[in-house]
Structures are given as structure tokens and as C-alpha cells.
């Protein structure tokens, strides 16, 4: 059977967090760049599906394709790292500075990758700036303004609302990364991770990396949103909410569910792969059978 038990999944989460923190900054930057661009591809695919079918759920059902590609190729998605790295810090595999270093370089890569795709996609749907009739142009402009000015109009309540939606989002997104570790087969990983990602996207929650594409793309196309509006009313609170959702409800939540009160501790050393296989790579999608707890 290709099912991996929860205790082994938790061990793999800690080891993945350590592995990700040990990468050099160039790897983090490039993997973050590629992941940001791929997630932006998936976002425009979802918007296209909704535009063609007029069914909102169509976008949610197809959007996880981008997440699957990112996970299976071992790229870096900071929202997934929000669950893995805090566990590695808690188990003293890495330091707080190691964790923050990973977050900084991966987020920088996301911003570059999303901006790069936004520029090329904008040139594509506007036919090199000569035609503003594509309905996806208005979709991006509207979403860019809704995700910023919509919260601004609510004042302080808007900051609370966007943070809550970000917490709910990354609770599901990090579960997607973890669910990929529950199977050793490619098909099993795809099915397992698809489910939580569909749940988050269908309900309009706030994902930091998606917003790194949607809001700047809308701004490039004419949305009345400033850089200050983007960061103050969306990007910063969404990053905070995504961190809380991933670290608390997935990372700490699963640790509490399987290990608090259990006299057997998680291994403090990297587990040995059965059959002499190589150690866990940085990919969230390469679960390793760790020491049983």
C-alpha cells in the first residue's frame, strides 16, 4: 500500500522544514520565482474557466493543477513553508534566523516570478496594449481593486477580515502540502493534495502568492490601486494570516494531535530511508518514512 501513516507524515514535515532551510539563497530565489510564475499561470487558467463557463466552481476545480506542479517538482511555496519550518524550529533542527532567511528569499522569488508572468500575460490579453476588450482584463482589474480598496472601505474591520480569510486559506493550502506526504505514489499525491486546494479557492479566501500576481497584474492593466494600498490592505495582513493558518492550525495542530502527551518524541536526527534510498529532498511532495513515534 502507498499510504503513509500520520506519525510518519509529521516526521517528514520536520525533515522537509530542515531541508528547505538548508538550501542556499540562490536555490530559494529560483525555486520561489518558478513557483510564483506557475501559480500565476494556474490563477489565469482558473479565471479563464470561470469566464468560459460562468461557473465559479470550475475555476476552483482546475486551479490545483498549478499547486500540483509546484509540489511534484520540489519548488518553493512560502505558504507551504509556513507549516514546515516552524515545526523544524520547534524541534531545534533550525534556528529562527534560518526560517526567516527562507521566507525572505522565497517571497522575493515569488514577487519576481509573479511580476514577470503578469507582464507577459498583460501583453498577451491586450494584444501588446492595442486591445482592452478581453473580459479577463476587467476580471483582473476588478479583483485587484476588491482585494485592496474593498478592505480599505471597511477600515480596521477590513484588516481583521482579510487576515481571517488568509488564516482560513492557508489552513487548507498547508494541508494540501501535507496531504501530498500521505502517499508514496504520484497519483495518490495528486488526488490527496487536490482536495484542500479546491476547498480554499472555491470560497474566495486570501492567498499571499496568488495576490502577488492578481493585484500587480490589475495595477498594470489600469486598476486604481497604489503600491501602498496593495501592501497595507492586502499583502502584509495576508502574509501574517497565512503564517498563522499554516503554523498554528496545520503545523502545531497536527503536532498536538499526534505527539503532545505522547512519551515517544519525534526523532531529533534525520530518519534513515528504508532500502538505502537517498535523503528527503526539498520537495514537499517527496514524503519519507521517518522514525515511527
Protein backbone atom coordinates (compact mmCIF):
# COMPACT_ATOMS: atom_id res chain seq x y z
CA UNK A 1 0.00 0.00 0.00
CA UNK A 2 1.18 3.56 -0.70
CA UNK A 3 -0.45 5.14 2.35
CA UNK A 4 1.92 6.85 4.80
CA UNK A 5 0.80 6.95 8.43
CA UNK A 6 0.22 10.34 10.12
CA UNK A 7 3.12 9.96 12.57
CA UNK A 8 5.48 9.35 9.64
CA UNK A 9 4.00 12.33 7.80
CA UNK A 10 4.71 14.54 10.79
CA UNK A 11 8.32 13.34 10.83
CA UNK A 12 8.58 14.15 7.12
CA UNK A 13 7.23 17.66 7.77
CA UNK A 14 10.02 18.35 10.26
CA UNK A 15 12.66 16.96 7.93
CA UNK A 16 11.27 18.92 4.97
CA UNK A 17 11.42 22.10 7.06
CA UNK A 18 15.06 21.46 7.86
CA UNK A 19 15.93 20.62 4.26
CA UNK A 20 14.27 23.79 2.96
CA UNK A 21 16.09 25.99 5.47
CA UNK A 22 19.48 24.48 4.50
CA UNK A 23 19.21 25.47 0.82
CA UNK A 24 21.35 28.32 -0.41
CA UNK A 25 19.66 31.61 -1.22
CA UNK A 26 20.06 31.20 -4.98
CA UNK A 27 18.08 27.96 -4.87
CA UNK A 28 15.42 29.59 -2.73
CA UNK A 29 15.17 32.56 -5.08
CA UNK A 30 14.94 30.48 -8.27
CA UNK A 31 12.50 27.95 -6.83
CA UNK A 32 10.40 30.79 -5.45
CA UNK A 33 10.45 32.54 -8.84
CA UNK A 34 9.29 29.42 -10.69
CA UNK A 35 6.61 28.62 -8.11
CA UNK A 36 5.23 32.16 -8.24
CA UNK A 37 5.00 32.13 -12.02
CA UNK A 38 3.40 28.66 -12.10
CA UNK A 39 0.79 29.65 -9.53
CA UNK A 40 0.05 32.76 -11.60
CA UNK A 41 -0.44 30.50 -14.65
CA UNK A 42 -2.93 28.45 -12.62
CA UNK A 43 -4.76 31.59 -11.49
CA UNK A 44 -5.32 32.85 -15.03
CA UNK A 45 -6.37 29.34 -16.04
CA UNK A 46 -8.99 29.37 -13.28
CA UNK A 47 -10.21 32.81 -14.34
CA UNK A 48 -10.42 31.59 -17.95
CA UNK A 49 -12.50 28.59 -16.87
CA UNK A 50 -14.93 30.84 -14.99
CA UNK A 51 -15.14 33.24 -17.92
CA UNK A 52 -15.90 30.46 -20.38
CA UNK A 53 -18.39 28.55 -18.23
CA UNK A 54 -19.84 31.25 -15.95
CA UNK A 55 -19.47 28.68 -13.16
CA UNK A 56 -17.31 29.80 -10.26
CA UNK A 57 -16.60 26.27 -9.11
CA UNK A 58 -14.99 25.47 -12.48
CA UNK A 59 -12.04 27.65 -11.56
CA UNK A 60 -11.67 26.05 -8.16
CA UNK A 61 -11.66 22.56 -9.64
CA UNK A 62 -8.86 23.35 -12.09
CA UNK A 63 -6.70 25.76 -10.07
CA UNK A 64 -4.95 23.00 -8.04
CA UNK A 65 -3.10 21.94 -11.21
CA UNK A 66 -0.55 24.68 -10.53
CA UNK A 67 -0.09 23.61 -6.93
CA UNK A 68 0.44 20.02 -8.01
CA UNK A 69 3.18 21.03 -10.45
CA UNK A 70 4.94 23.07 -7.77
CA UNK A 71 4.87 20.28 -5.20
CA UNK A 72 5.86 17.44 -7.54
CA UNK A 73 8.81 19.43 -8.92
CA UNK A 74 10.09 20.32 -5.45
CA UNK A 75 9.75 24.08 -5.88
CA UNK A 76 9.35 26.53 -3.00
CA UNK A 77 5.96 27.89 -1.99
CA UNK A 78 6.21 30.09 1.08
CA UNK A 79 2.65 29.34 2.16
CA UNK A 80 3.53 25.65 2.45
CA UNK A 81 6.75 26.53 4.25
CA UNK A 82 4.71 28.39 6.85
CA UNK A 83 3.73 24.97 8.25
CA UNK A 84 7.01 23.07 7.79
CA UNK A 85 9.69 25.44 9.04
CA UNK A 86 8.11 26.41 12.39
CA UNK A 87 7.99 22.70 13.26
CA UNK A 88 11.69 22.36 12.42
CA UNK A 89 12.41 25.36 14.66
CA UNK A 90 10.34 23.86 17.47
CA UNK A 91 12.31 20.61 17.20
CA UNK A 92 15.57 22.64 17.18
CA UNK A 93 16.61 21.42 13.76
CA UNK A 94 16.98 25.02 12.53
CA UNK A 95 17.07 28.49 14.07
CA UNK A 96 14.59 31.35 13.80
CA UNK A 97 17.05 33.13 11.52
CA UNK A 98 17.20 30.09 9.22
CA UNK A 99 13.42 30.18 8.94
CA UNK A 100 13.23 33.93 8.28
CA UNK A 101 16.02 33.67 5.71
CA UNK A 102 14.00 31.08 3.80
CA UNK A 103 10.85 33.20 3.94
CA UNK A 104 12.66 36.31 2.71
CA UNK A 105 14.30 34.75 -0.34
CA UNK A 106 11.30 32.63 -1.34
CA UNK A 107 8.93 35.61 -1.08
CA UNK A 108 11.36 37.70 -3.13
CA UNK A 109 11.37 34.96 -5.76
CA UNK A 110 7.55 34.86 -5.74
CA UNK A 111 7.31 38.61 -6.30
CA UNK A 112 9.71 38.44 -9.26
CA UNK A 113 8.03 35.38 -10.79
CA UNK A 114 4.52 36.78 -10.42
CA UNK A 115 5.52 40.18 -11.82
CA UNK A 116 7.25 38.52 -14.78
CA UNK A 117 4.18 36.46 -15.66
CA UNK A 118 1.85 39.44 -15.04
CA UNK A 119 3.82 41.50 -17.56
CA UNK A 120 3.81 38.80 -20.25
CA UNK A 121 0.17 37.87 -19.63
CA UNK A 122 -0.89 41.52 -19.75
CA UNK A 123 0.83 41.96 -23.11
CA UNK A 124 -0.91 38.80 -24.34
CA UNK A 125 -4.50 39.61 -23.38
CA UNK A 126 -4.20 43.24 -24.52
CA UNK A 127 -2.57 42.23 -27.81
CA UNK A 128 0.54 44.25 -26.97
CA UNK A 129 -1.54 47.05 -25.48
CA UNK A 130 -3.75 47.59 -28.53
CA UNK A 131 -6.99 45.91 -27.39
CA UNK A 132 -8.63 46.21 -23.98
CA UNK A 133 -11.70 44.18 -24.89
CA UNK A 134 -10.70 40.83 -23.37
CA UNK A 135 -13.07 40.09 -20.44
CA UNK A 136 -10.16 38.79 -18.35
CA UNK A 137 -8.76 42.32 -18.27
CA UNK A 138 -11.78 43.52 -16.32
CA UNK A 139 -11.63 40.39 -14.15
CA UNK A 140 -8.08 41.21 -13.07
CA UNK A 141 -8.84 44.92 -12.55
CA UNK A 142 -11.94 44.16 -10.50
CA UNK A 143 -10.22 41.54 -8.36
CA UNK A 144 -7.23 43.83 -7.80
CA UNK A 145 -9.49 46.60 -6.52
CA UNK A 146 -11.71 44.29 -4.50
CA UNK A 147 -8.71 42.72 -2.74
CA UNK A 148 -7.41 46.14 -1.68
CA UNK A 149 -9.91 49.00 -1.83
CA UNK A 150 -12.71 46.68 -0.79
CA UNK A 151 -11.00 46.12 2.56
CA UNK A 152 -9.91 49.74 2.81
CA UNK A 153 -13.53 50.87 2.77
CA UNK A 154 -14.12 48.79 5.91
CA UNK A 155 -11.26 50.43 7.80
CA UNK A 156 -9.92 48.44 10.74
CA UNK A 157 -12.58 45.78 10.23
CA UNK A 158 -11.18 45.28 6.74
CA UNK A 159 -7.74 44.40 8.14
CA UNK A 160 -9.32 41.89 10.51
CA UNK A 161 -11.44 40.41 7.71
CA UNK A 162 -8.58 39.97 5.25
CA UNK A 163 -6.43 38.40 7.97
CA UNK A 164 -9.17 35.91 8.88
CA UNK A 165 -9.64 34.96 5.23
CA UNK A 166 -5.87 34.48 4.96
CA UNK A 167 -5.83 32.20 8.01
CA UNK A 168 -8.62 30.07 6.57
CA UNK A 169 -6.88 29.96 3.20
CA UNK A 170 -3.54 28.69 4.40
CA UNK A 171 -5.06 26.21 6.81
CA UNK A 172 -6.21 24.43 3.66
CA UNK A 173 -3.16 25.20 1.49
CA UNK A 174 -0.72 23.76 4.03
CA UNK A 175 -2.96 20.73 4.40
CA UNK A 176 -2.51 20.30 0.65
CA UNK A 177 1.27 20.21 1.06
CA UNK A 178 0.96 17.78 3.97
CA UNK A 179 -1.56 15.57 2.19
CA UNK A 180 0.99 15.08 -0.59
CA UNK A 181 3.12 13.31 2.03
CA UNK A 182 0.39 10.79 2.82
CA UNK A 183 1.09 8.76 -0.31
CA UNK A 184 4.18 7.33 -2.00
CA UNK A 185 2.58 7.19 -5.45
CA UNK A 186 2.34 10.13 -7.83
CA UNK A 187 -1.38 9.61 -8.43
CA UNK A 188 -2.03 9.32 -4.71
CA UNK A 189 -0.17 12.59 -4.06
CA UNK A 190 -2.11 14.42 -6.77
CA UNK A 191 -5.52 13.33 -5.52
CA UNK A 192 -4.67 13.97 -1.87
CA UNK A 193 -3.35 17.49 -2.38
CA UNK A 194 -6.06 18.47 -4.88
CA UNK A 195 -8.84 18.35 -2.29
CA UNK A 196 -7.78 21.06 0.21
CA UNK A 197 -6.67 23.44 -2.56
CA UNK A 198 -10.09 23.24 -4.21
CA UNK A 199 -11.71 23.99 -0.85
CA UNK A 200 -9.73 27.21 -0.35
CA UNK A 201 -10.05 28.56 -3.89
CA UNK A 202 -13.78 27.90 -4.20
CA UNK A 203 -14.54 30.08 -1.17
CA UNK A 204 -12.54 33.15 -2.14
CA UNK A 205 -10.04 33.08 0.71
CA UNK A 206 -6.83 35.12 0.53
CA UNK A 207 -3.59 33.50 -0.65
CA UNK A 208 -0.44 35.65 -0.47
CA UNK A 209 1.23 34.29 -3.61
CA UNK A 210 -1.92 34.43 -5.74
CA UNK A 211 -2.30 38.05 -4.67
CA UNK A 212 1.31 38.79 -5.63
CA UNK A 213 0.11 38.17 -9.18
CA UNK A 214 -3.51 39.34 -9.22
CA UNK A 215 -3.04 42.76 -7.63
CA UNK A 216 0.05 43.89 -9.61
CA UNK A 217 -1.49 42.49 -12.82
CA UNK A 218 -4.62 44.54 -12.20
CA UNK A 219 -2.49 47.61 -11.48
CA UNK A 220 -0.62 47.14 -14.78
CA UNK A 221 -3.96 46.99 -16.60
CA UNK A 222 -5.37 50.15 -15.02
CA UNK A 223 -6.75 49.28 -11.58
CA UNK A 224 -6.93 52.34 -9.31
CA UNK A 225 -4.70 50.73 -6.69
CA UNK A 226 -1.43 52.12 -5.35
CA UNK A 227 1.54 50.15 -4.08
CA UNK A 228 0.65 51.34 -0.55
CA UNK A 229 -2.95 50.08 -1.00
CA UNK A 230 -1.60 46.71 -2.15
CA UNK A 231 0.74 46.15 0.80
CA UNK A 232 -1.20 47.79 3.61
CA UNK A 233 -4.68 46.49 2.83
CA UNK A 234 -3.76 43.09 1.46
CA UNK A 235 -0.23 41.75 1.14
CA UNK A 236 1.06 42.32 4.67
CA UNK A 237 -2.06 41.16 6.56
CA UNK A 238 -2.43 38.21 4.18
CA UNK A 239 1.15 37.09 4.79
CA UNK A 240 0.53 37.34 8.54
CA UNK A 241 -2.74 35.43 8.28
CA UNK A 242 -1.22 32.76 6.03
CA UNK A 243 1.60 32.30 8.55
CA UNK A 244 -0.86 31.89 11.42
CA UNK A 245 -3.03 29.48 9.46
CA UNK A 246 -0.10 27.30 8.41
CA UNK A 247 1.99 27.36 11.58
CA UNK A 248 -0.80 27.15 14.15
CA UNK A 249 -3.63 25.17 12.60
CA UNK A 250 -1.62 22.78 10.43
CA UNK A 251 1.89 22.56 11.88
CA UNK A 252 1.17 22.93 15.60
CA UNK A 253 -2.28 21.42 15.23
CA UNK A 254 -1.01 18.16 13.75
CA UNK A 255 1.87 18.03 16.22
CA UNK A 256 -0.56 18.43 19.12
CA UNK A 257 -2.90 15.83 17.67
CA UNK A 258 -0.22 13.16 17.34
CA UNK A 259 2.53 13.96 19.84
CA UNK A 260 1.51 16.13 22.78
CA UNK A 261 1.15 13.85 25.77
CA UNK A 262 2.87 11.04 23.89
CA UNK A 263 6.00 9.83 25.74
CA UNK A 264 7.70 8.93 22.45
CA UNK A 265 9.29 12.00 20.87
CA UNK A 266 9.93 12.79 17.24
CA UNK A 267 13.42 11.78 16.19
CA UNK A 268 15.99 14.53 16.58
CA UNK A 269 18.02 13.18 13.68
CA UNK A 270 17.08 12.71 10.07
CA UNK A 271 15.39 9.37 9.68
CA UNK A 272 17.04 6.71 7.55
CA UNK A 273 15.21 5.75 4.41
CA UNK A 274 14.41 2.07 4.13
CA UNK A 275 16.25 0.23 1.39
CA UNK A 276 19.10 2.74 1.23
CA UNK A 277 17.20 5.46 -0.61
CA UNK A 278 18.60 8.97 -0.59
CA UNK A 279 17.51 11.56 1.98
CA UNK A 280 14.49 13.76 1.69
CA UNK A 281 14.78 16.41 -0.98
CA UNK A 282 13.39 19.88 -0.52
CA UNK A 283 10.15 18.93 -2.26
CA UNK A 284 7.01 18.89 -0.16
CA UNK A 285 5.89 16.05 -2.36
CA UNK A 286 8.65 13.60 -1.52
CA UNK A 287 7.48 12.10 1.78
CA UNK A 288 9.99 9.97 3.60
CA UNK A 289 9.16 7.22 6.03
CA UNK A 290 10.57 8.68 9.21
CA UNK A 291 11.22 7.06 12.58
CA UNK A 292 7.95 5.87 14.00
CA UNK A 293 6.72 7.77 17.01
